[in-house]
């Protein structure tokens, strides 16, 4: 399975690339504007896409040093949706996510370090189905601000995480 979009990485990118904030702060993931999505190759022919309906999380930062960033995210695995009810039920079963025993997927950061090109590498623990593995989120640098007609900033962000059998995922979030 392959995560395509996740709001956590976008929030991490915002926190990491926003040195203008001088006071310690906590940002909560905006679940109304965030999504945890995935894409999976099916029989090497087609790609099945889906998403988890509920994602929560937060980023804490002292406003001075990116090394002080602490990020956490929780995905409600019971909200998986692939637009096919029978497949959804199978994915919720013990064959895959076993949501009766393990209703959430969690990430907790452990280390933040700069990466080439101005991005960051966020190392942390990802827990799925009761198994915790260390993963690295590659957070791309923010693009320049773009002002819309209301005067707010729209910032695209992407990140990648590589746990278990989840390969080459990407994440993107638009913040306005």
Protein backbone atom coordinates (compact mmCIF):
# COMPACT_ATOMS: atom_id res chain seq x y z
CA UNK A 1 0.00 0.00 0.00
CA UNK A 2 1.29 3.43 -0.76
CA UNK A 3 0.43 6.65 1.06
CA UNK A 4 -0.07 9.42 -1.46
CA UNK A 5 -1.16 12.33 0.65
CA UNK A 6 -0.96 12.93 4.35
CA UNK A 7 -1.60 16.09 6.22
CA UNK A 8 1.03 15.44 8.86
CA UNK A 9 3.96 16.04 6.56
CA UNK A 10 2.43 19.26 5.31
CA UNK A 11 2.01 20.56 8.83
CA UNK A 12 5.60 19.54 9.60
CA UNK A 13 6.82 21.44 6.55
CA UNK A 14 4.91 24.53 7.64
CA UNK A 15 6.34 24.37 11.14
CA UNK A 16 9.88 23.69 9.93
CA UNK A 17 9.97 26.38 7.28
CA UNK A 18 8.35 29.19 9.22
CA UNK A 19 11.18 30.90 11.11
CA UNK A 20 9.16 34.12 11.37
CA UNK A 21 7.30 32.77 14.40
CA UNK A 22 9.29 33.78 17.48
CA UNK A 23 7.18 32.36 20.34
CA UNK A 24 6.61 28.70 21.18
CA UNK A 25 3.50 27.51 19.42
CA UNK A 26 1.37 24.46 18.69
CA UNK A 27 -0.35 23.90 15.37
CA UNK A 28 -3.19 21.40 15.05
CA UNK A 29 -3.81 19.54 11.81
CA UNK A 30 -6.88 21.08 10.18
CA UNK A 31 -8.94 17.95 9.51
CA UNK A 32 -11.35 19.88 7.28
CA UNK A 33 -8.50 20.68 4.89
CA UNK A 34 -6.33 17.60 5.32
CA UNK A 35 -6.41 14.07 3.97
CA UNK A 36 -4.52 10.83 4.41
CA UNK A 37 -4.70 9.14 1.03
CA UNK A 38 -3.08 6.12 -0.58
CA UNK A 39 -2.66 4.31 -3.88
CA UNK A 40 -2.06 0.57 -4.30
CA UNK A 41 -1.17 -1.38 -7.42
CA UNK A 42 -3.83 -4.05 -8.02
CA UNK A 43 -2.70 -7.16 -9.95
CA UNK A 44 0.04 -5.02 -11.53
CA UNK A 45 -2.60 -3.61 -13.87
CA UNK A 46 -4.56 -0.85 -12.16
CA UNK A 47 -4.12 1.47 -9.23
CA UNK A 48 -6.68 1.48 -6.43
CA UNK A 49 -6.92 4.81 -4.62
CA UNK A 50 -8.47 5.52 -1.28
CA UNK A 51 -8.32 7.62 1.83
CA UNK A 52 -8.82 7.61 5.55
CA UNK A 53 -11.61 9.99 6.53
CA UNK A 54 -10.20 11.24 9.82
CA UNK A 55 -6.71 12.56 10.51
CA UNK A 56 -5.64 14.46 13.63
CA UNK A 57 -2.31 15.72 14.81
CA UNK A 58 -0.20 18.56 16.09
CA UNK A 59 3.18 20.22 15.67
CA UNK A 60 4.96 21.94 18.56
CA UNK A 61 7.86 24.30 17.96
CA UNK A 62 9.75 26.83 20.09
CA UNK A 63 9.95 29.22 17.15
CA UNK A 64 13.75 29.33 17.18
CA UNK A 65 15.41 26.02 16.36
CA UNK A 66 13.95 23.45 13.95
CA UNK A 67 15.53 20.70 16.09
CA UNK A 68 12.91 21.42 18.77
CA UNK A 69 9.99 20.50 16.50
CA UNK A 70 7.80 17.72 17.88
CA UNK A 71 5.11 16.29 15.62
CA UNK A 72 2.38 13.73 16.18
CA UNK A 73 -0.36 12.43 13.89
CA UNK A 74 -3.20 9.93 14.27
CA UNK A 75 -5.16 8.41 11.39
CA UNK A 76 -8.47 6.69 12.11
CA UNK A 77 -8.06 3.38 10.23
CA UNK A 78 -11.77 2.59 10.65
CA UNK A 79 -12.56 5.40 8.19
CA UNK A 80 -10.82 3.78 5.20
CA UNK A 81 -12.70 4.40 1.95
CA UNK A 82 -11.80 3.05 -1.51
CA UNK A 83 -15.24 3.73 -3.00
CA UNK A 84 -15.93 -0.03 -2.94
CA UNK A 85 -17.77 -1.24 0.20
CA UNK A 86 -16.67 -4.90 -0.05
CA UNK A 87 -13.03 -3.91 -0.48
CA UNK A 88 -13.33 -1.47 2.45
CA UNK A 89 -14.61 -4.26 4.70
CA UNK A 90 -11.78 -6.55 3.61
CA UNK A 91 -9.19 -3.84 4.31
CA UNK A 92 -10.70 -3.35 7.78
CA UNK A 93 -10.43 -7.10 8.49
CA UNK A 94 -7.56 -8.93 10.22
CA UNK A 95 -6.11 -9.62 6.74
CA UNK A 96 -5.04 -5.97 6.54
CA UNK A 97 -5.59 -3.24 9.16
CA UNK A 98 -7.55 -5.30 11.75
CA UNK A 99 -9.41 -2.17 12.85
CA UNK A 100 -11.27 -3.97 15.64
CA UNK A 101 -7.97 -4.46 17.47
CA UNK A 102 -6.01 -1.55 15.98
CA UNK A 103 -8.33 1.35 15.10
CA UNK A 104 -5.58 3.94 14.61
CA UNK A 105 -2.32 4.52 12.74
CA UNK A 106 0.06 6.89 14.55
CA UNK A 107 3.26 8.81 13.86
CA UNK A 108 5.48 10.52 16.45
CA UNK A 109 8.60 12.43 15.42
CA UNK A 110 11.96 11.77 17.07
CA UNK A 111 14.44 13.84 15.05
CA UNK A 112 14.40 16.66 12.52
CA UNK A 113 17.38 17.45 10.29
CA UNK A 114 17.95 19.61 7.22
CA UNK A 115 18.02 17.93 3.82
CA UNK A 116 19.49 18.99 0.52
CA UNK A 117 17.57 21.62 -1.39
CA UNK A 118 16.21 23.32 1.73
CA UNK A 119 13.86 20.55 2.86
CA UNK A 120 13.91 18.46 6.01
CA UNK A 121 14.09 14.81 7.04
CA UNK A 122 11.69 13.99 9.86
CA UNK A 123 12.54 10.69 11.57
CA UNK A 124 9.87 9.15 13.76
CA UNK A 125 7.91 6.09 14.81
CA UNK A 126 4.99 4.94 12.65
CA UNK A 127 2.67 2.42 14.29
CA UNK A 128 0.26 0.32 12.22
CA UNK A 129 -1.53 -2.81 13.34
CA UNK A 130 0.36 -2.76 16.62
CA UNK A 131 3.79 -2.74 14.95
CA UNK A 132 6.03 0.30 15.34
CA UNK A 133 8.78 0.99 12.81
CA UNK A 134 11.06 3.94 12.40
CA UNK A 135 10.38 5.86 9.18
CA UNK A 136 11.71 9.03 7.61
CA UNK A 137 9.48 11.71 6.11
CA UNK A 138 11.24 13.70 3.40
CA UNK A 139 9.68 17.14 3.66
CA UNK A 140 10.26 19.38 0.68
CA UNK A 141 10.96 23.10 1.16
CA UNK A 142 8.12 25.55 0.88
CA UNK A 143 7.63 27.32 -2.40
CA UNK A 144 7.39 31.11 -2.42
CA UNK A 145 4.16 32.60 -1.15
CA UNK A 146 1.48 33.30 -3.70
CA UNK A 147 -1.10 35.94 -2.88
CA UNK A 148 -4.66 35.33 -4.01
CA UNK A 149 -7.30 38.01 -4.46
CA UNK A 150 -8.24 37.82 -0.76
CA UNK A 151 -4.64 38.41 0.25
CA UNK A 152 -4.02 35.04 1.89
CA UNK A 153 -1.07 32.79 1.14
CA UNK A 154 -1.40 29.49 -0.66
CA UNK A 155 1.54 27.19 -0.01
CA UNK A 156 1.90 23.75 -1.64
CA UNK A 157 3.86 21.16 0.35
CA UNK A 158 4.92 17.56 -0.31
CA UNK A 159 6.55 14.81 1.73
CA UNK A 160 7.31 11.13 1.50
CA UNK A 161 7.38 8.27 3.98
CA UNK A 162 8.62 4.70 3.47
CA UNK A 163 7.32 2.23 6.10
CA UNK A 164 6.67 -1.51 5.82
CA UNK A 165 5.46 -2.32 2.33
CA UNK A 166 4.39 1.24 1.65
CA UNK A 167 6.67 2.39 -1.14
CA UNK A 168 7.40 5.77 -2.69
CA UNK A 169 4.49 7.65 -1.11
CA UNK A 170 3.94 11.37 -1.47
CA UNK A 171 1.98 13.86 0.53
CA UNK A 172 0.64 17.22 -0.44
CA UNK A 173 -1.46 19.82 1.29
CA UNK A 174 -2.55 23.26 0.27
CA UNK A 175 -2.79 25.76 3.11
CA UNK A 176 -4.67 28.99 2.55
